[in-house]
């Protein structure tokens, strides 16, 4: 049982380290802090200075931990500096530790980059069988309440066969922190510009017809969320919300407006040939989110996790 936090000495990874330290303290779990040395840079350093590059980097890591968490903090945790591919080393050490949670940062993205979430975080999420907490740089703009000390948890719900499992997972996470739970369903659409190629009268007819359809969708979604809330039980029940628009952007908007502390995403299925288990919406949520995102793969649902159970 352990928590693994991967850092790269950036400001976002300092936020991830702070979150990991708070969670480890709250749930009394050992914390291992890892940074990965590039093989070529390590070899060049040894050739140039003759010193052990891993010893040097371990010292730099200790300084980073002390600067982030306070003087002497590095002595309380295990510091690990392997050489190799960052994502591969993170996954390998998470397996070796049998880690309950992997914590790392993302640099975030904007514009077109939201559609190409190419990073170590993405690669870890594609293949990790363990829960991964991704901390975005936007967290620096406000208070960061972490697992065990949160007030509001947001669970985006899509109505597929795993909808109830996703809701129950978020319910367990919220309950472990005595936090409120908000179930959110996003109805796609709401882009009036798509009708600009049509004559105004025809475009108005399309929009009117679809408006009625979306109203019926909203009513059905609200009723489905109410059934989910009833199945979860507990008092008070979760807050229920149905919104319309691009899914990831709406999830981020609700998280910001509702002062949410955490978004819980249930990941489904096994990685395919390209490891494409995590869908495009999940990537966009990770890029756009103003708060940490806890991604829990399907195979981690049965694990006894201290920060959930």
C-alpha atoms as a PDB file:
ATOM      1  CA  UNK A   1       0.000   0.000   0.000  1.00  0.00           C
ATOM      2  CA  UNK A   2       1.549   3.284  -1.080  1.00  0.00           C
ATOM      3  CA  UNK A   3       1.199   6.497  -3.036  1.00  0.00           C
ATOM      4  CA  UNK A   4       3.548   7.299  -5.896  1.00  0.00           C
ATOM      5  CA  UNK A   5       4.069  10.906  -7.007  1.00  0.00           C
ATOM      6  CA  UNK A   6       6.049  11.658 -10.160  1.00  0.00           C
ATOM      7  CA  UNK A   7       7.674  15.095 -10.514  1.00  0.00           C
ATOM      8  CA  UNK A   8       9.752  16.891 -13.135  1.00  0.00           C
ATOM      9  CA  UNK A   9      10.711  19.979 -11.057  1.00  0.00           C
ATOM     10  CA  UNK A  10       8.117  22.157 -12.800  1.00  0.00           C
ATOM     11  CA  UNK A  11       5.594  24.377 -11.016  1.00  0.00           C
ATOM     12  CA  UNK A  12       2.705  22.035 -11.930  1.00  0.00           C
ATOM     13  CA  UNK A  13       4.568  19.060 -10.476  1.00  0.00           C
ATOM     14  CA  UNK A  14       5.080  21.015  -7.242  1.00  0.00           C
ATOM     15  CA  UNK A  15       1.280  21.222  -7.031  1.00  0.00           C
ATOM     16  CA  UNK A  16       1.030  17.464  -7.626  1.00  0.00           C
ATOM     17  CA  UNK A  17       3.611  16.851  -4.897  1.00  0.00           C
ATOM     18  CA  UNK A  18       1.679  19.051  -2.465  1.00  0.00           C
ATOM     19  CA  UNK A  19      -1.500  17.112  -3.205  1.00  0.00           C
ATOM     20  CA  UNK A  20       0.235  13.749  -2.818  1.00  0.00           C
ATOM     21  CA  UNK A  21       1.776  14.766   0.499  1.00  0.00           C
ATOM     22  CA  UNK A  22      -1.575  15.913   1.899  1.00  0.00           C
ATOM     23  CA  UNK A  23      -3.289  12.682   0.821  1.00  0.00           C
ATOM     24  CA  UNK A  24      -0.498  10.530   2.270  1.00  0.00           C
ATOM     25  CA  UNK A  25      -0.725  12.383   5.577  1.00  0.00           C
ATOM     26  CA  UNK A  26      -4.537  12.246   5.722  1.00  0.00           C
ATOM     27  CA  UNK A  27      -4.731   8.511   5.037  1.00  0.00           C
ATOM     28  CA  UNK A  28      -1.435   7.602   6.737  1.00  0.00           C
ATOM     29  CA  UNK A  29       0.022   6.062   3.613  1.00  0.00           C
ATOM     30  CA  UNK A  30       3.715   5.903   2.655  1.00  0.00           C
ATOM     31  CA  UNK A  31       4.679   8.248  -0.158  1.00  0.00           C
ATOM     32  CA  UNK A  32       7.337   7.609  -2.774  1.00  0.00           C
ATOM     33  CA  UNK A  33       8.493  10.582  -4.849  1.00  0.00           C
ATOM     34  CA  UNK A  34       9.973   9.774  -8.230  1.00  0.00           C
ATOM     35  CA  UNK A  35      11.737  11.700 -10.943  1.00  0.00           C
ATOM     36  CA  UNK A  36      13.110  10.017 -14.056  1.00  0.00           C
ATOM     37  CA  UNK A  37      16.586  10.696 -15.421  1.00  0.00           C
ATOM     38  CA  UNK A  38      17.024  10.884 -19.178  1.00  0.00           C
ATOM     39  CA  UNK A  39      19.568   8.212 -20.217  1.00  0.00           C
ATOM     40  CA  UNK A  40      21.451  10.479 -22.628  1.00  0.00           C
ATOM     41  CA  UNK A  41      21.650  13.389 -20.200  1.00  0.00           C
ATOM     42  CA  UNK A  42      22.758  11.075 -17.412  1.00  0.00           C
ATOM     43  CA  UNK A  43      25.541   9.640 -19.577  1.00  0.00           C
ATOM     44  CA  UNK A  44      26.639  13.118 -20.696  1.00  0.00           C
ATOM     45  CA  UNK A  45      26.786  14.351 -17.095  1.00  0.00           C
ATOM     46  CA  UNK A  46      28.946  11.420 -16.032  1.00  0.00           C
ATOM     47  CA  UNK A  47      31.320  11.915 -18.960  1.00  0.00           C
ATOM     48  CA  UNK A  48      31.605  15.659 -18.369  1.00  0.00           C
ATOM     49  CA  UNK A  49      31.955  15.808 -14.590  1.00  0.00           C
ATOM     50  CA  UNK A  50      32.795  12.247 -13.612  1.00  0.00           C
ATOM     51  CA  UNK A  51      30.191  12.392 -10.854  1.00  0.00           C
ATOM     52  CA  UNK A  52      27.353   9.948 -10.370  1.00  0.00           C
ATOM     53  CA  UNK A  53      24.420  11.625 -12.180  1.00  0.00           C
ATOM     54  CA  UNK A  54      21.820   9.726 -10.154  1.00  0.00           C
ATOM     55  CA  UNK A  55      23.357  10.899  -6.872  1.00  0.00           C
ATOM     56  CA  UNK A  56      23.347  14.474  -8.173  1.00  0.00           C
ATOM     57  CA  UNK A  57      19.720  14.213  -9.307  1.00  0.00           C
ATOM     58  CA  UNK A  58      18.691  12.630  -6.001  1.00  0.00           C
ATOM     59  CA  UNK A  59      20.134  15.671  -4.238  1.00  0.00           C
ATOM     60  CA  UNK A  60      18.245  18.000  -6.580  1.00  0.00           C
ATOM     61  CA  UNK A  61      15.049  16.031  -5.931  1.00  0.00           C
ATOM     62  CA  UNK A  62      15.551  16.351  -2.160  1.00  0.00           C
ATOM     63  CA  UNK A  63      15.968  20.125  -2.531  1.00  0.00           C
ATOM     64  CA  UNK A  64      12.804  20.310  -4.649  1.00  0.00           C
ATOM     65  CA  UNK A  65      10.834  18.363  -2.033  1.00  0.00           C
ATOM     66  CA  UNK A  66      12.112  20.563   0.791  1.00  0.00           C
ATOM     67  CA  UNK A  67      11.329  23.747  -1.141  1.00  0.00           C
ATOM     68  CA  UNK A  68       7.821  22.508  -1.923  1.00  0.00           C
ATOM     69  CA  UNK A  69       6.826  20.848   1.354  1.00  0.00           C
ATOM     70  CA  UNK A  70       9.096  22.523   3.901  1.00  0.00           C
ATOM     71  CA  UNK A  71      12.586  22.036   5.288  1.00  0.00           C
ATOM     72  CA  UNK A  72      13.362  18.433   6.145  1.00  0.00           C
ATOM     73  CA  UNK A  73      10.366  17.016   4.287  1.00  0.00           C
ATOM     74  CA  UNK A  74      12.566  14.960   1.964  1.00  0.00           C
ATOM     75  CA  UNK A  75      13.747  12.865   4.907  1.00  0.00           C
ATOM     76  CA  UNK A  76      10.187  11.646   5.553  1.00  0.00           C
ATOM     77  CA  UNK A  77       9.657  10.143   2.118  1.00  0.00           C
ATOM     78  CA  UNK A  78      11.296   7.648  -0.220  1.00  0.00           C
ATOM     79  CA  UNK A  79      13.041   9.371  -3.117  1.00  0.00           C
ATOM     80  CA  UNK A  80      13.594   7.357  -6.288  1.00  0.00           C
ATOM     81  CA  UNK A  81      15.556   8.364  -9.402  1.00  0.00           C
ATOM     82  CA  UNK A  82      15.441   5.695 -12.121  1.00  0.00           C
ATOM     83  CA  UNK A  83      16.825   6.093 -15.634  1.00  0.00           C
ATOM     84  CA  UNK A  84      14.668   5.550 -18.700  1.00  0.00           C
ATOM     85  CA  UNK A  85      11.344   6.433 -20.260  1.00  0.00           C
ATOM     86  CA  UNK A  86       9.255   8.540 -17.811  1.00  0.00           C
ATOM     87  CA  UNK A  87       5.879   6.866 -18.384  1.00  0.00           C
ATOM     88  CA  UNK A  88       7.387   3.396 -18.379  1.00  0.00           C
ATOM     89  CA  UNK A  89       9.304   4.046 -15.158  1.00  0.00           C
ATOM     90  CA  UNK A  90       6.251   5.513 -13.433  1.00  0.00           C
ATOM     91  CA  UNK A  91       4.179   2.456 -14.333  1.00  0.00           C
ATOM     92  CA  UNK A  92       6.947   0.020 -13.359  1.00  0.00           C
ATOM     93  CA  UNK A  93       7.501   1.627  -9.943  1.00  0.00           C
ATOM     94  CA  UNK A  94       3.747   1.832  -9.307  1.00  0.00           C
ATOM     95  CA  UNK A  95       3.603  -1.924  -9.896  1.00  0.00           C
ATOM     96  CA  UNK A  96       6.643  -2.583  -7.699  1.00  0.00           C
ATOM     97  CA  UNK A  97       5.100  -0.563  -4.844  1.00  0.00           C
ATOM     98  CA  UNK A  98       1.602  -1.944  -5.476  1.00  0.00           C
ATOM     99  CA  UNK A  99       0.614   1.722  -5.321  1.00  0.00           C
ATOM    100  CA  UNK A 100      -2.963   2.626  -4.420  1.00  0.00           C
ATOM    101  CA  UNK A 101      -2.655   5.941  -6.234  1.00  0.00           C
ATOM    102  CA  UNK A 102      -0.394   7.575  -8.804  1.00  0.00           C
ATOM    103  CA  UNK A 103      -0.226  11.380  -8.628  1.00  0.00           C
ATOM    104  CA  UNK A 104       1.209  13.533 -11.377  1.00  0.00           C
ATOM    105  CA  UNK A 105       0.777  16.891 -13.051  1.00  0.00           C
ATOM    106  CA  UNK A 106      -0.159  17.942 -16.535  1.00  0.00           C
ATOM    107  CA  UNK A 107       1.120  21.039 -18.238  1.00  0.00           C
ATOM    108  CA  UNK A 108      -2.381  21.701 -19.565  1.00  0.00           C
ATOM    109  CA  UNK A 109      -3.219  22.833 -23.066  1.00  0.00           C
ATOM    110  CA  UNK A 110      -5.215  25.400 -24.968  1.00  0.00           C
ATOM    111  CA  UNK A 111      -6.744  25.800 -28.399  1.00  0.00           C
ATOM    112  CA  UNK A 112      -6.077  22.991 -30.841  1.00  0.00           C
ATOM    113  CA  UNK A 113      -3.734  21.359 -28.313  1.00  0.00           C
ATOM    114  CA  UNK A 114      -6.778  20.320 -26.295  1.00  0.00           C
ATOM    115  CA  UNK A 115      -7.327  17.660 -28.926  1.00  0.00           C
ATOM    116  CA  UNK A 116      -3.775  16.310 -28.661  1.00  0.00           C
ATOM    117  CA  UNK A 117      -3.123  15.591 -25.007  1.00  0.00           C
ATOM    118  CA  UNK A 118       0.327  14.158 -25.730  1.00  0.00           C
ATOM    119  CA  UNK A 119       2.178  13.882 -22.431  1.00  0.00           C
ATOM    120  CA  UNK A 120       3.501  11.536 -19.795  1.00  0.00           C
ATOM    121  CA  UNK A 121       0.142  11.847 -18.039  1.00  0.00           C
ATOM    122  CA  UNK A 122      -1.668  10.632 -21.144  1.00  0.00           C
ATOM    123  CA  UNK A 123       0.609   7.628 -21.559  1.00  0.00           C
ATOM    124  CA  UNK A 124       0.238   6.655 -17.917  1.00  0.00           C
ATOM    125  CA  UNK A 125      -3.545   6.962 -18.107  1.00  0.00           C
ATOM    126  CA  UNK A 126      -3.682   4.807 -21.214  1.00  0.00           C
ATOM    127  CA  UNK A 127      -2.141   1.785 -19.513  1.00  0.00           C
ATOM    128  CA  UNK A 128      -2.251   2.165 -15.727  1.00  0.00           C
ATOM    129  CA  UNK A 129      -4.470  -0.357 -13.914  1.00  0.00           C
ATOM    130  CA  UNK A 130      -4.383   1.970 -10.883  1.00  0.00           C
ATOM    131  CA  UNK A 131      -6.210   5.188 -10.027  1.00  0.00           C
ATOM    132  CA  UNK A 132      -4.359   8.252 -11.316  1.00  0.00           C
ATOM    133  CA  UNK A 133      -4.813  11.735  -9.855  1.00  0.00           C
ATOM    134  CA  UNK A 134      -3.925  14.392 -12.429  1.00  0.00           C
ATOM    135  CA  UNK A 135      -3.317  17.888 -11.050  1.00  0.00           C
ATOM    136  CA  UNK A 136      -3.641  20.717 -13.616  1.00  0.00           C
ATOM    137  CA  UNK A 137      -1.689  23.989 -13.358  1.00  0.00           C
ATOM    138  CA  UNK A 138      -4.958  25.920 -12.972  1.00  0.00           C
ATOM    139  CA  UNK A 139      -5.132  24.639  -9.389  1.00  0.00           C
ATOM    140  CA  UNK A 140      -2.530  27.280  -8.524  1.00  0.00           C
ATOM    141  CA  UNK A 141      -5.179  29.971  -9.041  1.00  0.00           C
ATOM    142  CA  UNK A 142      -7.293  28.909  -6.049  1.00  0.00           C
ATOM    143  CA  UNK A 143      -7.432  26.759  -2.914  1.00  0.00           C
ATOM    144  CA  UNK A 144      -6.578  23.088  -3.463  1.00  0.00           C
ATOM    145  CA  UNK A 145      -8.624  20.779  -1.261  1.00  0.00           C
ATOM    146  CA  UNK A 146      -7.483  17.190  -1.657  1.00  0.00           C
ATOM    147  CA  UNK A 147      -8.841  13.690  -1.017  1.00  0.00           C
ATOM    148  CA  UNK A 148      -9.934  13.483   2.590  1.00  0.00           C
ATOM    149  CA  UNK A 149     -10.555  17.223   2.907  1.00  0.00           C
ATOM    150  CA  UNK A 150     -12.884  18.112   0.045  1.00  0.00           C
ATOM    151  CA  UNK A 151     -16.248  19.860  -0.021  1.00  0.00           C
ATOM    152  CA  UNK A 152     -17.654  19.061  -3.483  1.00  0.00           C
ATOM    153  CA  UNK A 153     -17.027  16.170  -5.886  1.00  0.00           C
ATOM    154  CA  UNK A 154     -18.248  16.246  -9.487  1.00  0.00           C
ATOM    155  CA  UNK A 155     -19.141  13.074 -11.371  1.00  0.00           C
ATOM    156  CA  UNK A 156     -19.867  13.475 -15.099  1.00  0.00           C
ATOM    157  CA  UNK A 157     -22.394  10.758 -15.979  1.00  0.00           C
ATOM    158  CA  UNK A 158     -23.005   9.342 -19.433  1.00  0.00           C
ATOM    159  CA  UNK A 159     -25.913   6.920 -19.687  1.00  0.00           C
ATOM    160  CA  UNK A 160     -24.197   3.716 -20.726  1.00  0.00           C
ATOM    161  CA  UNK A 161     -24.060   0.308 -19.051  1.00  0.00           C
ATOM    162  CA  UNK A 162     -21.494   1.506 -16.498  1.00  0.00           C
ATOM    163  CA  UNK A 163     -23.355   4.673 -15.467  1.00  0.00           C
ATOM    164  CA  UNK A 164     -24.370   3.349 -12.048  1.00  0.00           C
ATOM    165  CA  UNK A 165     -20.854   2.025 -11.395  1.00  0.00           C
ATOM    166  CA  UNK A 166     -19.420   5.473 -12.232  1.00  0.00           C
ATOM    167  CA  UNK A 167     -21.907   7.154  -9.896  1.00  0.00           C
ATOM    168  CA  UNK A 168     -21.164   4.709  -7.064  1.00  0.00           C
ATOM    169  CA  UNK A 169     -17.430   5.246  -7.473  1.00  0.00           C
ATOM    170  CA  UNK A 170     -17.809   9.025  -7.170  1.00  0.00           C
ATOM    171  CA  UNK A 171     -20.196   8.528  -4.252  1.00  0.00           C
ATOM    172  CA  UNK A 172     -17.549   6.501  -2.401  1.00  0.00           C
ATOM    173  CA  UNK A 173     -14.887   9.139  -3.082  1.00  0.00           C
ATOM    174  CA  UNK A 174     -17.161  11.922  -1.815  1.00  0.00           C
ATOM    175  CA  UNK A 175     -18.204   9.933   1.252  1.00  0.00           C
ATOM    176  CA  UNK A 176     -14.551   9.318   2.213  1.00  0.00           C
ATOM    177  CA  UNK A 177     -14.111  13.109   2.397  1.00  0.00           C
ATOM    178  CA  UNK A 178     -17.575  13.893   3.833  1.00  0.00           C
ATOM    179  CA  UNK A 179     -18.034  15.966   0.678  1.00  0.00           C
ATOM    180  CA  UNK A 180     -21.119  16.784  -1.358  1.00  0.00           C
ATOM    181  CA  UNK A 181     -21.614  14.879  -4.606  1.00  0.00           C
ATOM    182  CA  UNK A 182     -22.789  16.486  -7.829  1.00  0.00           C
ATOM    183  CA  UNK A 183     -23.965  14.269 -10.711  1.00  0.00           C
ATOM    184  CA  UNK A 184     -23.750  15.988 -14.086  1.00  0.00           C
ATOM    185  CA  UNK A 185     -25.015  14.939 -17.502  1.00  0.00           C
ATOM    186  CA  UNK A 186     -24.064  16.939 -20.577  1.00  0.00           C
ATOM    187  CA  UNK A 187     -26.303  16.949 -23.635  1.00  0.00           C
ATOM    188  CA  UNK A 188     -24.244  17.553 -26.758  1.00  0.00           C
ATOM    189  CA  UNK A 189     -25.088  20.329 -29.178  1.00  0.00           C
ATOM    190  CA  UNK A 190     -26.083  23.927 -28.662  1.00  0.00           C
ATOM    191  CA  UNK A 191     -23.993  25.283 -31.540  1.00  0.00           C
ATOM    192  CA  UNK A 192     -26.308  27.509 -33.584  1.00  0.00           C
ATOM    193  CA  UNK A 193     -23.523  28.323 -36.082  1.00  0.00           C
ATOM    194  CA  UNK A 194     -23.923  24.899 -37.706  1.00  0.00           C
ATOM    195  CA  UNK A 195     -27.014  26.183 -39.563  1.00  0.00           C
ATOM    196  CA  UNK A 196     -25.314  29.164 -41.218  1.00  0.00           C
ATOM    197  CA  UNK A 197     -25.231  27.423 -44.609  1.00  0.00           C
ATOM    198  CA  UNK A 198     -29.042  27.234 -44.653  1.00  0.00           C
ATOM    199  CA  UNK A 199     -31.561  29.942 -45.482  1.00  0.00           C
ATOM    200  CA  UNK A 200     -32.686  31.709 -42.301  1.00  0.00           C
ATOM    201  CA  UNK A 201     -36.245  30.379 -42.456  1.00  0.00           C
ATOM    202  CA  UNK A 202     -35.088  26.765 -42.862  1.00  0.00           C
ATOM    203  CA  UNK A 203     -32.432  27.152 -40.172  1.00  0.00           C
ATOM    204  CA  UNK A 204     -35.091  28.434 -37.770  1.00  0.00           C
ATOM    205  CA  UNK A 205     -37.241  25.365 -38.464  1.00  0.00           C
ATOM    206  CA  UNK A 206     -34.303  23.040 -37.748  1.00  0.00           C
ATOM    207  CA  UNK A 207     -33.445  24.860 -34.524  1.00  0.00           C
ATOM    208  CA  UNK A 208     -37.055  24.835 -33.346  1.00  0.00           C
ATOM    209  CA  UNK A 209     -37.401  21.102 -33.992  1.00  0.00           C
ATOM    210  CA  UNK A 210     -34.116  20.304 -32.269  1.00  0.00           C
ATOM    211  CA  UNK A 211     -34.967  22.607 -29.386  1.00  0.00           C
ATOM    212  CA  UNK A 212     -37.966  20.436 -28.586  1.00  0.00           C
ATOM    213  CA  UNK A 213     -35.827  17.327 -28.899  1.00  0.00           C
ATOM    214  CA  UNK A 214     -33.204  18.725 -26.529  1.00  0.00           C
ATOM    215  CA  UNK A 215     -35.896  19.678 -24.027  1.00  0.00           C
ATOM    216  CA  UNK A 216     -37.109  16.068 -24.045  1.00  0.00           C
ATOM    217  CA  UNK A 217     -33.521  14.855 -23.673  1.00  0.00           C
ATOM    218  CA  UNK A 218     -33.038  17.142 -20.688  1.00  0.00           C
ATOM    219  CA  UNK A 219     -36.197  15.836 -19.029  1.00  0.00           C
ATOM    220  CA  UNK A 220     -35.139  12.233 -19.633  1.00  0.00           C
ATOM    221  CA  UNK A 221     -31.622  12.915 -18.340  1.00  0.00           C
ATOM    222  CA  UNK A 222     -32.961  14.593 -15.202  1.00  0.00           C
ATOM    223  CA  UNK A 223     -35.223  11.600 -14.544  1.00  0.00           C
ATOM    224  CA  UNK A 224     -32.323   9.191 -15.076  1.00  0.00           C
ATOM    225  CA  UNK A 225     -30.118  11.161 -12.660  1.00  0.00           C
ATOM    226  CA  UNK A 226     -32.895  11.061 -10.099  1.00  0.00           C
ATOM    227  CA  UNK A 227     -33.048   7.267 -10.406  1.00  0.00           C
ATOM    228  CA  UNK A 228     -29.272   7.087  -9.960  1.00  0.00           C
ATOM    229  CA  UNK A 229     -29.447   9.305  -6.879  1.00  0.00           C
ATOM    230  CA  UNK A 230     -32.171   7.092  -5.418  1.00  0.00           C
ATOM    231  CA  UNK A 231     -30.031   3.991  -6.041  1.00  0.00           C
ATOM    232  CA  UNK A 232     -27.075   5.596  -4.255  1.00  0.00           C
ATOM    233  CA  UNK A 233     -29.128   6.383  -1.164  1.00  0.00           C
ATOM    234  CA  UNK A 234     -27.858   8.482   1.684  1.00  0.00           C
ATOM    235  CA  UNK A 235     -28.883  11.855   3.069  1.00  0.00           C
ATOM    236  CA  UNK A 236     -28.507  14.451   1.783  1.00  0.00           C
ATOM    237  CA  UNK A 237     -28.655  13.149  -1.764  1.00  0.00           C
ATOM    238  CA  UNK A 238     -26.396  14.387  -4.564  1.00  0.00           C
ATOM    239  CA  UNK A 239     -26.970  17.606  -6.453  1.00  0.00           C
ATOM    240  CA  UNK A 240     -28.270  16.834  -9.949  1.00  0.00           C
ATOM    241  CA  UNK A 241     -27.556  18.953 -13.000  1.00  0.00           C
ATOM    242  CA  UNK A 242     -28.168  18.682 -16.745  1.00  0.00           C
ATOM    243  CA  UNK A 243     -26.450  21.115 -19.106  1.00  0.00           C
ATOM    244  CA  UNK A 244     -26.023  21.408 -22.861  1.00  0.00           C
ATOM    245  CA  UNK A 245     -22.956  21.988 -24.983  1.00  0.00           C
ATOM    246  CA  UNK A 246     -19.505  20.528 -25.698  1.00  0.00           C
ATOM    247  CA  UNK A 247     -18.976  17.950 -22.960  1.00  0.00           C
ATOM    248  CA  UNK A 248     -15.459  18.728 -21.709  1.00  0.00           C
ATOM    249  CA  UNK A 249     -15.962  22.485 -21.734  1.00  0.00           C
ATOM    250  CA  UNK A 250     -19.273  22.183 -19.882  1.00  0.00           C
ATOM    251  CA  UNK A 251     -17.761  19.855 -17.275  1.00  0.00           C
ATOM    252  CA  UNK A 252     -14.941  22.350 -16.677  1.00  0.00           C
ATOM    253  CA  UNK A 253     -17.410  25.244 -16.533  1.00  0.00           C
ATOM    254  CA  UNK A 254     -19.599  23.515 -13.962  1.00  0.00           C
ATOM    255  CA  UNK A 255     -16.538  22.549 -11.909  1.00  0.00           C
ATOM    256  CA  UNK A 256     -15.456  26.181 -11.815  1.00  0.00           C
ATOM    257  CA  UNK A 257     -18.926  27.615 -11.141  1.00  0.00           C
ATOM    258  CA  UNK A 258     -19.859  25.107  -8.428  1.00  0.00           C
ATOM    259  CA  UNK A 259     -16.540  25.413  -6.562  1.00  0.00           C
ATOM    260  CA  UNK A 260     -15.829  21.728  -7.163  1.00  0.00           C
ATOM    261  CA  UNK A 261     -12.697  20.219  -5.585  1.00  0.00           C
ATOM    262  CA  UNK A 262     -12.372  17.075  -7.690  1.00  0.00           C
ATOM    263  CA  UNK A 263     -13.710  15.529 -10.898  1.00  0.00           C
ATOM    264  CA  UNK A 264     -14.045  11.730 -10.808  1.00  0.00           C
ATOM    265  CA  UNK A 265     -13.835   9.930 -14.149  1.00  0.00           C
ATOM    266  CA  UNK A 266     -14.469   6.209 -14.429  1.00  0.00           C
ATOM    267  CA  UNK A 267     -12.381   4.758 -17.257  1.00  0.00           C
ATOM    268  CA  UNK A 268     -13.827   1.733 -18.996  1.00  0.00           C
ATOM    269  CA  UNK A 269     -12.538  -1.269 -20.866  1.00  0.00           C
ATOM    270  CA  UNK A 270      -9.120  -2.684 -21.588  1.00  0.00           C
ATOM    271  CA  UNK A 271      -6.392  -0.825 -23.498  1.00  0.00           C
ATOM    272  CA  UNK A 272      -6.476  -1.658 -27.186  1.00  0.00           C
ATOM    273  CA  UNK A 273      -3.646  -1.937 -29.688  1.00  0.00           C
ATOM    274  CA  UNK A 274      -2.836   1.735 -29.205  1.00  0.00           C
ATOM    275  CA  UNK A 275      -3.873   1.815 -25.572  1.00  0.00           C
ATOM    276  CA  UNK A 276      -6.906   3.881 -26.534  1.00  0.00           C
ATOM    277  CA  UNK A 277      -8.896   3.189 -23.396  1.00  0.00           C
ATOM    278  CA  UNK A 278      -9.229   6.852 -22.450  1.00  0.00           C
ATOM    279  CA  UNK A 279     -11.600   8.635 -24.805  1.00  0.00           C
ATOM    280  CA  UNK A 280     -11.367  12.049 -26.415  1.00  0.00           C
ATOM    281  CA  UNK A 281     -13.765  13.598 -23.901  1.00  0.00           C
ATOM    282  CA  UNK A 282     -11.611  12.382 -21.004  1.00  0.00           C
ATOM    283  CA  UNK A 283      -8.527  13.964 -22.588  1.00  0.00           C
ATOM    284  CA  UNK A 284     -10.340  17.243 -23.064  1.00  0.00           C
ATOM    285  CA  UNK A 285     -11.568  17.192 -19.473  1.00  0.00           C
ATOM    286  CA  UNK A 286      -7.982  16.691 -18.308  1.00  0.00           C
ATOM    287  CA  UNK A 287      -6.823  19.615 -20.432  1.00  0.00           C
ATOM    288  CA  UNK A 288      -9.647  21.994 -19.551  1.00  0.00           C
ATOM    289  CA  UNK A 289     -10.267  21.145 -15.893  1.00  0.00           C
ATOM    290  CA  UNK A 290      -9.636  23.851 -13.288  1.00  0.00           C
ATOM    291  CA  UNK A 291      -9.435  21.174 -10.545  1.00  0.00           C
ATOM    292  CA  UNK A 292      -7.677  17.815 -10.060  1.00  0.00           C
ATOM    293  CA  UNK A 293      -9.128  14.841 -11.939  1.00  0.00           C
ATOM    294  CA  UNK A 294      -9.197  11.352 -10.430  1.00  0.00           C
ATOM    295  CA  UNK A 295      -9.249   8.783 -13.243  1.00  0.00           C
ATOM    296  CA  UNK A 296     -10.120   5.271 -12.070  1.00  0.00           C
ATOM    297  CA  UNK A 297      -9.751   2.429 -14.591  1.00  0.00           C
ATOM    298  CA  UNK A 298     -12.284  -0.372 -14.649  1.00  0.00           C
ATOM    299  CA  UNK A 299      -9.869  -2.955 -13.220  1.00  0.00           C
ATOM    300  CA  UNK A 300      -9.204  -0.793 -10.130  1.00  0.00           C
ATOM    301  CA  UNK A 301     -12.854  -0.813  -9.044  1.00  0.00           C
ATOM    302  CA  UNK A 302     -12.435  -3.950  -6.925  1.00  0.00           C
ATOM    303  CA  UNK A 303      -9.294  -2.824  -5.079  1.00  0.00           C
ATOM    304  CA  UNK A 304      -9.565  -1.871  -1.417  1.00  0.00           C
ATOM    305  CA  UNK A 305      -8.468   1.757  -1.621  1.00  0.00           C
ATOM    306  CA  UNK A 306      -8.026   3.712   1.626  1.00  0.00           C
ATOM    307  CA  UNK A 307      -8.849   7.059   0.043  1.00  0.00           C
ATOM    308  CA  UNK A 308     -12.119   5.688  -1.349  1.00  0.00           C
ATOM    309  CA  UNK A 309     -13.248   3.079   1.149  1.00  0.00           C
END
